[in-house]
N, C-alpha and C. Protein backbone atom coordinates (compact mmCIF):
# COMPACT_ATOMS: atom_id res chain seq x y z
N MET A 1 0.80 -1.14 -0.03
CA MET A 1 0.07 -0.04 0.00
C MET A 1 0.91 1.34 0.02
N ALA A 2 0.54 2.17 -0.87
CA ALA A 2 1.28 3.54 -0.87
C ALA A 2 0.38 4.58 -0.38
N LYS A 3 0.92 5.73 0.08
CA LYS A 3 0.11 6.84 0.47
C LYS A 3 0.34 7.88 -0.69
N ILE A 4 -0.76 8.22 -1.47
CA ILE A 4 -0.69 9.00 -2.58
C ILE A 4 -1.35 10.35 -2.47
N LEU A 5 -0.59 11.44 -2.73
CA LEU A 5 -1.02 12.84 -2.66
C LEU A 5 -1.67 13.14 -4.02
N ILE A 6 -2.96 13.60 -4.07
CA ILE A 6 -3.53 13.96 -5.38
C ILE A 6 -3.80 15.54 -5.22
N ILE A 7 -3.24 16.27 -6.21
CA ILE A 7 -3.28 17.76 -6.29
C ILE A 7 -4.07 18.16 -7.43
N ASP A 8 -5.30 18.68 -7.33
CA ASP A 8 -6.19 19.04 -8.44
C ASP A 8 -7.16 20.01 -7.88
N ASP A 9 -7.51 21.27 -8.59
CA ASP A 9 -8.40 22.18 -8.23
C ASP A 9 -9.92 21.70 -8.49
N ASP A 10 -10.05 20.76 -9.36
CA ASP A 10 -11.46 20.16 -9.65
C ASP A 10 -11.85 19.21 -8.46
N PRO A 11 -12.83 19.53 -7.82
CA PRO A 11 -13.17 18.54 -6.63
C PRO A 11 -13.61 17.21 -7.33
N ALA A 12 -14.32 17.19 -8.37
CA ALA A 12 -14.76 15.77 -8.85
C ALA A 12 -13.60 15.10 -9.32
N ILE A 13 -12.57 15.68 -9.96
CA ILE A 13 -11.34 14.95 -10.19
C ILE A 13 -10.57 14.32 -9.02
N ARG A 14 -10.50 15.23 -8.01
CA ARG A 14 -9.82 14.76 -6.83
C ARG A 14 -10.68 13.55 -6.16
N GLN A 15 -11.87 13.53 -6.16
CA GLN A 15 -12.74 12.58 -5.65
C GLN A 15 -12.61 11.37 -6.35
N TYR A 16 -12.69 11.58 -7.65
CA TYR A 16 -12.60 10.23 -8.58
C TYR A 16 -11.16 9.51 -8.35
N LEU A 17 -10.10 10.40 -8.44
CA LEU A 17 -8.91 9.74 -8.27
C LEU A 17 -8.56 9.27 -6.83
N ALA A 18 -9.00 9.89 -5.87
CA ALA A 18 -9.07 9.35 -4.49
C ALA A 18 -9.81 8.09 -4.36
N THR A 19 -10.96 7.99 -4.91
CA THR A 19 -11.81 6.77 -4.73
C THR A 19 -11.03 5.68 -5.45
N LEU A 20 -10.46 5.83 -6.70
CA LEU A 20 -9.86 4.78 -7.53
C LEU A 20 -8.59 4.30 -6.75
N VAL A 21 -7.74 5.31 -6.18
CA VAL A 21 -6.49 4.93 -5.40
C VAL A 21 -7.12 4.12 -4.18
N THR A 22 -8.03 4.45 -3.59
CA THR A 22 -8.39 3.67 -2.33
C THR A 22 -8.91 2.25 -2.76
N ARG A 23 -9.68 2.20 -3.84
CA ARG A 23 -10.05 0.92 -4.33
C ARG A 23 -8.96 0.05 -4.71
N LEU A 24 -7.80 0.53 -5.14
CA LEU A 24 -6.64 -0.14 -5.48
C LEU A 24 -5.77 -0.39 -4.38
N GLY A 25 -6.31 -0.11 -3.13
CA GLY A 25 -5.60 -0.58 -1.89
C GLY A 25 -4.52 0.31 -1.39
N HIS A 26 -4.67 1.69 -1.89
CA HIS A 26 -3.74 2.71 -1.35
C HIS A 26 -4.53 3.69 -0.55
N GLU A 27 -3.64 4.63 0.06
CA GLU A 27 -4.34 5.61 0.88
C GLU A 27 -4.30 6.94 0.06
N ALA A 28 -5.31 7.81 -0.02
CA ALA A 28 -5.32 8.96 -0.84
C ALA A 28 -5.31 10.17 0.18
N VAL A 29 -4.59 11.06 -0.28
CA VAL A 29 -4.47 12.43 0.57
C VAL A 29 -4.77 13.51 -0.54
N SER A 30 -5.71 14.47 -0.37
CA SER A 30 -6.00 15.38 -1.42
C SER A 30 -5.61 16.85 -1.12
N ALA A 31 -5.35 17.62 -2.13
CA ALA A 31 -4.98 19.00 -2.00
C ALA A 31 -5.59 19.71 -3.14
N GLY A 32 -6.28 20.96 -2.99
CA GLY A 32 -6.98 21.57 -4.06
C GLY A 32 -6.19 22.77 -4.75
N THR A 33 -5.10 23.07 -4.08
CA THR A 33 -4.37 24.32 -4.51
C THR A 33 -2.84 23.89 -4.45
N CYS A 34 -2.11 24.63 -5.29
CA CYS A 34 -0.66 24.54 -5.20
C CYS A 34 0.02 24.63 -3.84
N ALA A 35 -0.45 25.69 -3.19
CA ALA A 35 0.08 26.02 -1.83
C ALA A 35 -0.20 24.73 -0.90
N ASP A 36 -1.48 24.18 -0.97
CA ASP A 36 -1.89 23.02 -0.12
C ASP A 36 -0.94 21.87 -0.54
N GLY A 37 -0.86 21.61 -1.73
CA GLY A 37 -0.07 20.57 -2.28
C GLY A 37 1.28 20.53 -1.88
N ILE A 38 1.86 21.71 -1.97
CA ILE A 38 3.37 21.80 -1.57
C ILE A 38 3.55 21.46 -0.13
N ALA A 39 2.41 22.10 0.71
CA ALA A 39 2.53 21.88 2.15
C ALA A 39 2.35 20.50 2.50
N LYS A 40 1.46 19.67 1.84
CA LYS A 40 1.28 18.34 2.05
C LYS A 40 2.44 17.35 1.52
N MET A 41 3.29 17.84 0.59
CA MET A 41 4.32 17.05 0.10
C MET A 41 5.33 17.03 1.23
N SER A 42 5.39 17.82 2.02
CA SER A 42 6.43 17.85 3.18
C SER A 42 6.21 16.65 4.14
N ASP A 43 5.01 16.00 4.03
CA ASP A 43 4.76 14.72 4.80
C ASP A 43 5.71 13.66 4.23
N PRO A 44 6.59 13.07 5.04
CA PRO A 44 7.52 12.14 4.50
C PRO A 44 6.71 10.76 4.22
N THR A 45 5.55 10.55 4.79
CA THR A 45 4.92 9.33 4.46
C THR A 45 4.18 9.21 3.10
N ILE A 46 4.12 10.55 2.41
CA ILE A 46 3.71 10.56 1.05
C ILE A 46 4.60 9.79 0.16
N GLN A 47 4.16 8.88 -0.63
CA GLN A 47 5.19 8.09 -1.43
C GLN A 47 5.04 8.49 -2.92
N ILE A 48 3.89 8.90 -3.28
CA ILE A 48 3.66 9.27 -4.83
C ILE A 48 2.87 10.50 -4.91
N VAL A 49 3.19 11.27 -5.84
CA VAL A 49 2.40 12.59 -6.12
C VAL A 49 1.81 12.46 -7.51
N ILE A 50 0.47 12.91 -7.56
CA ILE A 50 -0.34 13.07 -8.69
C ILE A 50 -0.72 14.48 -8.75
N SER A 51 -0.35 15.14 -9.77
CA SER A 51 -0.77 16.75 -9.76
C SER A 51 -1.30 17.18 -11.24
N ASP A 52 -2.31 17.92 -10.98
CA ASP A 52 -2.77 18.65 -12.27
C ASP A 52 -1.68 19.73 -12.50
N ILE A 53 -1.46 20.13 -13.73
CA ILE A 53 -0.42 21.12 -13.99
C ILE A 53 -0.97 22.64 -14.05
N ASN A 54 -2.34 22.64 -14.32
CA ASN A 54 -3.09 23.98 -14.46
C ASN A 54 -3.73 24.31 -13.29
N LEU A 55 -3.24 24.93 -12.13
CA LEU A 55 -4.08 25.38 -10.93
C LEU A 55 -4.25 26.72 -10.90
N PRO A 56 -5.30 27.30 -10.35
CA PRO A 56 -5.40 28.70 -10.38
C PRO A 56 -4.41 29.50 -9.61
N ASP A 57 -3.88 28.92 -8.50
CA ASP A 57 -2.77 29.65 -7.79
C ASP A 57 -1.44 29.29 -8.23
N GLY A 58 -1.25 28.61 -9.31
CA GLY A 58 -0.11 28.15 -9.81
C GLY A 58 0.73 29.18 -10.52
N ALA A 59 2.03 28.86 -10.56
CA ALA A 59 2.94 29.67 -11.31
C ALA A 59 2.96 29.25 -12.92
N ASN A 60 3.91 29.70 -13.71
CA ASN A 60 3.78 29.17 -15.03
C ASN A 60 4.24 27.72 -15.01
N LEU A 61 3.99 27.03 -16.17
CA LEU A 61 4.19 25.58 -16.15
C LEU A 61 5.63 25.12 -15.65
N ASP A 62 6.60 25.86 -16.14
CA ASP A 62 8.04 25.26 -15.96
C ASP A 62 8.19 25.61 -14.32
N GLU A 63 7.86 26.67 -13.69
CA GLU A 63 8.02 26.90 -12.20
C GLU A 63 7.20 25.87 -11.50
N TRP A 64 5.94 25.51 -11.87
CA TRP A 64 5.13 24.59 -11.19
C TRP A 64 5.82 23.10 -11.30
N ILE A 65 6.36 22.84 -12.41
CA ILE A 65 6.93 21.53 -12.53
C ILE A 65 8.16 21.49 -11.55
N ASN A 66 8.97 22.59 -11.63
CA ASN A 66 10.14 22.60 -10.69
C ASN A 66 9.82 22.58 -9.29
N HIS A 67 8.66 23.40 -8.81
CA HIS A 67 8.13 23.22 -7.45
C HIS A 67 7.62 21.74 -7.10
N LEU A 68 7.02 21.09 -7.88
CA LEU A 68 6.61 19.78 -7.83
C LEU A 68 7.83 18.85 -7.65
N LYS A 69 8.85 19.02 -8.56
CA LYS A 69 9.94 17.96 -8.54
C LYS A 69 10.77 18.25 -7.18
N THR A 70 10.80 19.63 -6.74
CA THR A 70 11.56 19.88 -5.48
C THR A 70 10.88 19.30 -4.37
N GLY A 71 9.56 19.50 -4.30
CA GLY A 71 8.65 18.99 -3.21
C GLY A 71 8.54 17.54 -3.08
N ALA A 72 8.56 16.89 -4.25
CA ALA A 72 8.43 15.40 -4.39
C ALA A 72 9.75 14.72 -3.84
N ASP A 73 10.95 15.42 -4.12
CA ASP A 73 12.18 15.09 -3.65
C ASP A 73 12.59 13.56 -3.98
N GLY A 74 12.33 13.30 -5.18
CA GLY A 74 12.58 11.99 -5.78
C GLY A 74 11.62 11.02 -5.74
N ARG A 75 10.48 11.29 -5.06
CA ARG A 75 9.34 10.41 -5.06
C ARG A 75 8.66 10.42 -6.51
N PRO A 76 8.09 9.39 -6.93
CA PRO A 76 7.40 9.35 -8.24
C PRO A 76 6.33 10.54 -8.38
N LEU A 77 6.36 11.20 -9.53
CA LEU A 77 5.51 12.34 -9.83
C LEU A 77 4.66 12.05 -11.01
N ILE A 78 3.52 12.09 -11.04
CA ILE A 78 2.50 11.91 -12.24
C ILE A 78 1.93 13.11 -12.35
N LEU A 79 2.02 13.78 -13.60
CA LEU A 79 1.39 14.98 -13.98
C LEU A 79 0.09 14.74 -14.77
N ILE A 80 -1.00 15.49 -14.51
CA ILE A 80 -2.31 15.32 -15.21
C ILE A 80 -2.64 16.55 -15.75
N THR A 81 -3.34 16.61 -16.95
CA THR A 81 -3.90 17.78 -17.52
C THR A 81 -5.04 17.47 -18.40
N GLY A 82 -5.97 18.39 -18.56
CA GLY A 82 -7.11 18.21 -19.60
C GLY A 82 -6.80 18.76 -20.87
N GLU A 83 -5.64 19.39 -21.02
CA GLU A 83 -5.18 19.90 -22.38
C GLU A 83 -3.86 19.35 -22.79
N PRO A 84 -3.78 18.12 -23.16
CA PRO A 84 -2.47 17.58 -23.41
C PRO A 84 -1.94 18.13 -24.86
N THR A 85 -0.53 18.25 -24.81
CA THR A 85 0.12 18.68 -26.10
C THR A 85 1.28 17.95 -26.14
N GLU A 86 1.88 17.87 -27.37
CA GLU A 86 3.27 17.20 -27.50
C GLU A 86 4.34 17.93 -26.75
N GLU A 87 4.26 19.23 -26.76
CA GLU A 87 5.30 20.16 -26.09
C GLU A 87 5.11 19.87 -24.47
N LEU A 88 3.94 19.73 -23.99
CA LEU A 88 3.80 19.59 -22.61
C LEU A 88 4.41 18.21 -22.20
N ALA A 89 4.08 17.16 -23.09
CA ALA A 89 4.55 15.75 -22.79
C ALA A 89 6.05 15.80 -22.86
N SER A 90 6.56 16.44 -23.67
CA SER A 90 8.04 16.53 -23.92
C SER A 90 8.57 17.23 -22.59
N LYS A 91 8.19 18.34 -22.21
CA LYS A 91 8.67 19.01 -21.03
C LYS A 91 8.48 18.15 -19.74
N ALA A 92 7.45 17.51 -19.69
CA ALA A 92 7.22 16.64 -18.49
C ALA A 92 8.28 15.50 -18.50
N HIS A 93 8.36 14.68 -19.55
CA HIS A 93 9.34 13.69 -19.65
C HIS A 93 10.88 14.22 -19.65
N ALA A 94 10.98 15.39 -20.25
CA ALA A 94 12.45 15.94 -20.08
C ALA A 94 12.81 16.22 -18.71
N GLY A 95 11.92 16.57 -17.91
CA GLY A 95 12.15 17.16 -16.60
C GLY A 95 12.11 16.02 -15.58
N GLY A 96 12.17 14.73 -15.95
CA GLY A 96 12.27 13.58 -15.09
C GLY A 96 10.97 13.21 -14.46
N ILE A 97 9.86 13.61 -15.07
CA ILE A 97 8.60 13.21 -14.42
C ILE A 97 8.30 11.73 -14.65
N THR A 98 7.71 11.08 -13.74
CA THR A 98 7.58 9.59 -13.88
C THR A 98 6.63 9.39 -15.02
N ALA A 99 5.37 10.02 -15.08
CA ALA A 99 4.43 9.83 -16.07
C ALA A 99 3.76 11.00 -16.34
N PHE A 100 2.97 10.99 -17.56
CA PHE A 100 2.16 12.14 -17.88
C PHE A 100 0.81 11.54 -18.17
N LEU A 101 -0.29 11.99 -17.64
CA LEU A 101 -1.60 11.44 -17.77
C LEU A 101 -2.55 12.47 -18.27
N ALA A 102 -3.18 12.13 -19.56
CA ALA A 102 -4.16 13.05 -19.95
C ALA A 102 -5.62 12.79 -19.55
N LYS A 103 -6.41 13.85 -19.21
CA LYS A 103 -7.85 13.52 -18.77
C LYS A 103 -8.51 13.40 -20.18
N PRO A 104 -9.57 12.67 -20.31
CA PRO A 104 -10.23 11.80 -19.28
C PRO A 104 -9.30 10.63 -19.03
N PHE A 105 -9.50 10.04 -17.79
CA PHE A 105 -8.49 8.97 -17.31
C PHE A 105 -9.29 7.67 -17.79
N GLU A 106 -8.38 6.69 -18.21
CA GLU A 106 -8.87 5.25 -18.35
C GLU A 106 -8.47 4.49 -17.22
N LEU A 107 -9.20 3.75 -16.53
CA LEU A 107 -8.98 3.01 -15.37
C LEU A 107 -7.71 2.04 -15.55
N ALA A 108 -7.75 1.36 -16.70
CA ALA A 108 -6.65 0.46 -16.87
C ALA A 108 -5.38 1.12 -16.88
N PHE A 109 -5.30 2.31 -17.57
CA PHE A 109 -4.07 3.06 -17.81
C PHE A 109 -3.63 3.47 -16.34
N ILE A 110 -4.59 4.14 -15.56
CA ILE A 110 -4.20 4.59 -14.33
C ILE A 110 -3.62 3.47 -13.30
N LYS A 111 -4.27 2.26 -13.38
CA LYS A 111 -3.80 1.16 -12.70
C LYS A 111 -2.45 0.85 -12.96
N GLY A 112 -2.01 0.89 -14.17
CA GLY A 112 -0.58 0.50 -14.55
C GLY A 112 0.21 1.53 -14.12
N LEU A 113 -0.09 2.78 -14.30
CA LEU A 113 0.78 3.80 -13.78
C LEU A 113 1.01 3.76 -12.34
N LEU A 114 -0.03 3.53 -11.62
CA LEU A 114 0.13 3.40 -10.17
C LEU A 114 1.02 2.15 -9.68
N ALA A 115 0.86 1.08 -10.48
CA ALA A 115 1.62 -0.04 -10.21
C ALA A 115 3.12 0.35 -10.31
N GLN A 116 3.49 0.97 -11.53
CA GLN A 116 4.78 1.28 -11.70
C GLN A 116 5.42 2.42 -10.80
N ALA A 117 4.45 3.29 -10.38
CA ALA A 117 4.88 4.34 -9.38
C ALA A 117 5.22 3.77 -8.01
N VAL A 118 4.20 2.76 -7.57
CA VAL A 118 4.51 2.03 -6.33
C VAL A 118 5.68 1.22 -6.36
N SER A 119 6.07 0.49 -7.41
CA SER A 119 7.35 -0.08 -7.56
C SER A 119 8.50 0.83 -7.43
N ALA A 120 8.42 2.03 -7.99
CA ALA A 120 9.55 2.97 -7.94
C ALA A 120 9.71 3.59 -6.54
N ALA A 121 8.57 3.74 -5.80
CA ALA A 121 8.46 4.31 -4.55
C ALA A 121 9.01 3.29 -3.51
N ASN A 122 8.92 2.03 -3.85
CA ASN A 122 9.16 0.90 -2.83
C ASN A 122 10.04 -0.18 -3.47
N PRO A 123 11.23 0.33 -3.93
CA PRO A 123 12.11 -0.58 -4.62
C PRO A 123 12.40 -1.91 -3.62
N VAL A 124 12.39 -3.06 -4.25
CA VAL A 124 12.68 -4.37 -3.50
C VAL A 124 14.11 -4.57 -3.26
N ALA A 125 14.52 -4.76 -2.11
CA ALA A 125 15.94 -4.98 -1.84
C ALA A 125 16.34 -6.37 -2.39
N HIS A 126 17.48 -6.36 -2.92
CA HIS A 126 18.02 -7.61 -3.61
C HIS A 126 19.34 -8.11 -2.81
């Protein structure tokens, strides 16, 4: 089980992802703003961060990605958006982001992303 932080200003999206995360056996923590998300990332028990990239209190895209990467501090980071572009996907992948997820979400795809992120967050000792 992983503790997953979900940052999105849309309450319906936050609730949908929190429900999905919980049904997959993980614990969900939610934040509706950049400021709240950054504050909650300071919790060392958070293992994975899923964040929308366009939030009302957010900086420009590059600054927000940098804030997220700094706050995640090496933890898997999945970015979500309702307006995917090739440029955005390239920036995310070039920035060391674990995954990039476009809305609307497909259950099987999210399930696979979370499995990969949980593996990255909890490496098995050999």
